C-alpha atoms as a PDB file:
ATOM      1  CA  MET A   1      27.066   0.600 -16.097  1.00  0.00           C
ATOM      2  CA  PRO A   2      25.013   2.430 -18.750  1.00  0.00           C
ATOM      3  CA  TYR A   3      22.470   4.914 -18.053  1.00  0.00           C
ATOM      4  CA  ALA A   4      20.422   3.002 -20.173  1.00  0.00           C
ATOM      5  CA  ALA A   5      21.051  -0.062 -18.258  1.00  0.00           C
ATOM      6  CA  LEU A   6      19.674   1.261 -15.104  1.00  0.00           C
ATOM      7  CA  VAL A   7      17.102   2.483 -16.265  1.00  0.00           C
ATOM      8  CA  VAL A   8      15.804  -0.565 -17.854  1.00  0.00           C
ATOM      9  CA  GLY A   9      16.271  -2.154 -14.710  1.00  0.00           C
ATOM     10  CA  LEU A  10      14.180  -0.099 -12.468  1.00  0.00           C
ATOM     11  CA  ILE A  11      11.761  -0.466 -15.166  1.00  0.00           C
ATOM     12  CA  GLN A  12      11.572  -3.888 -14.993  1.00  0.00           C
ATOM     13  CA  ALA A  13      11.969  -4.059 -10.903  1.00  0.00           C
ATOM     14  CA  ILE A  14       8.726  -1.264 -10.572  1.00  0.00           C
ATOM     15  CA  PRO A  15       6.000  -4.514 -10.523  1.00  0.00           C
ATOM     16  CA  GLU A  16       8.211  -5.971  -7.279  1.00  0.00           C
ATOM     17  CA  ILE A  17       8.581  -1.884  -5.832  1.00  0.00           C
ATOM     18  CA  SER A  18       5.367  -1.159  -5.925  1.00  0.00           C
ATOM     19  CA  ASP A  19       4.201  -4.585  -4.467  1.00  0.00           C
ATOM     20  CA  GLU A  20       6.540  -3.455  -2.085  1.00  0.00           C
ATOM     21  CA  ILE A  21       4.198  -0.541  -0.970  1.00  0.00           C
ATOM     22  CA  LYS A  22       1.181  -2.247  -1.334  1.00  0.00           C
ATOM     23  CA  SER A  23       2.315  -4.469   0.849  1.00  0.00           C
ATOM     24  CA  LEU A  24       3.452  -1.646   3.601  1.00  0.00           C
ATOM     25  CA  LEU A  25       0.243   0.618   2.582  1.00  0.00           C
ATOM     26  CA  ALA A  26      -2.304  -2.499   3.968  1.00  0.00           C
ATOM     27  CA  PRO A  27      -1.819  -2.304   7.175  1.00  0.00           C
ATOM     28  CA  ILE A  28      -1.122   1.393   7.330  1.00  0.00           C
ATOM     29  CA  GLN A  29      -4.921   1.980   5.872  1.00  0.00           C
ATOM     30  CA  GLU A  30      -5.856  -1.120   8.568  1.00  0.00           C
ATOM     31  CA  GLY A  31      -5.042   2.015  11.094  1.00  0.00           C
ATOM     32  CA  ARG A  32      -2.398  -0.115  12.290  1.00  0.00           C
ATOM     33  CA  ALA A  33       1.708  -0.349  11.971  1.00  0.00           C
ATOM     34  CA  PRO A  34       3.682  -2.691   9.900  1.00  0.00           C
ATOM     35  CA  THR A  35       4.755  -6.032  11.774  1.00  0.00           C
ATOM     36  CA  GLU A  36       8.067  -6.864  12.169  1.00  0.00           C
ATOM     37  CA  ALA A  37       7.166  -9.939   9.688  1.00  0.00           C
ATOM     38  CA  GLU A  38       5.772  -7.142   7.129  1.00  0.00           C
ATOM     39  CA  TRP A  39       8.542  -4.672   7.373  1.00  0.00           C
ATOM     40  CA  GLU A  40      11.672  -7.810   7.014  1.00  0.00           C
ATOM     41  CA  ALA A  41       9.711  -9.018   3.788  1.00  0.00           C
ATOM     42  CA  ALA A  42       9.286  -5.333   2.751  1.00  0.00           C
ATOM     43  CA  LYS A  43      12.918  -4.839   3.262  1.00  0.00           C
ATOM     44  CA  ALA A  44      14.170  -8.410   1.661  1.00  0.00           C
ATOM     45  CA  ALA A  45      11.935  -7.312  -1.727  1.00  0.00           C
ATOM     46  CA  ALA A  46      13.461  -4.401  -1.425  1.00  0.00           C
ATOM     47  CA  ASP A  47      16.938  -5.986  -1.721  1.00  0.00           C
ATOM     48  CA  GLN A  48      15.833  -8.594  -4.425  1.00  0.00           C
ATOM     49  CA  ALA A  49      14.875  -4.864  -6.270  1.00  0.00           C
ATOM     50  CA  ASN A  50      17.523  -3.146  -6.292  1.00  0.00           C
ATOM     51  CA  GLU A  51      20.080  -6.380  -6.815  1.00  0.00           C
ATOM     52  CA  ALA A  52      18.190  -6.444 -10.128  1.00  0.00           C
ATOM     53  CA  VAL A  53      18.343  -3.209 -10.942  1.00  0.00           C
ATOM     54  CA  GLN A  54      22.613  -2.803 -10.600  1.00  0.00           C
ATOM     55  CA  ALA A  55      23.239  -5.944 -12.158  1.00  0.00           C
ATOM     56  CA  GLY A  56      20.832  -4.155 -15.335  1.00  0.00           C
END
């Protein structure tokens, strides 16, 4: 896959990646660890973003 397509895919995934980070920062800022459900949601979102990047 051309590098340009990977970069474009990554740029397009930035909103999802940002949302993942925010969802994991929220519980940390509340002084607690993320719940299992929060971790699973973040991992699922990361998998979707990764698939989007890989697809170009």
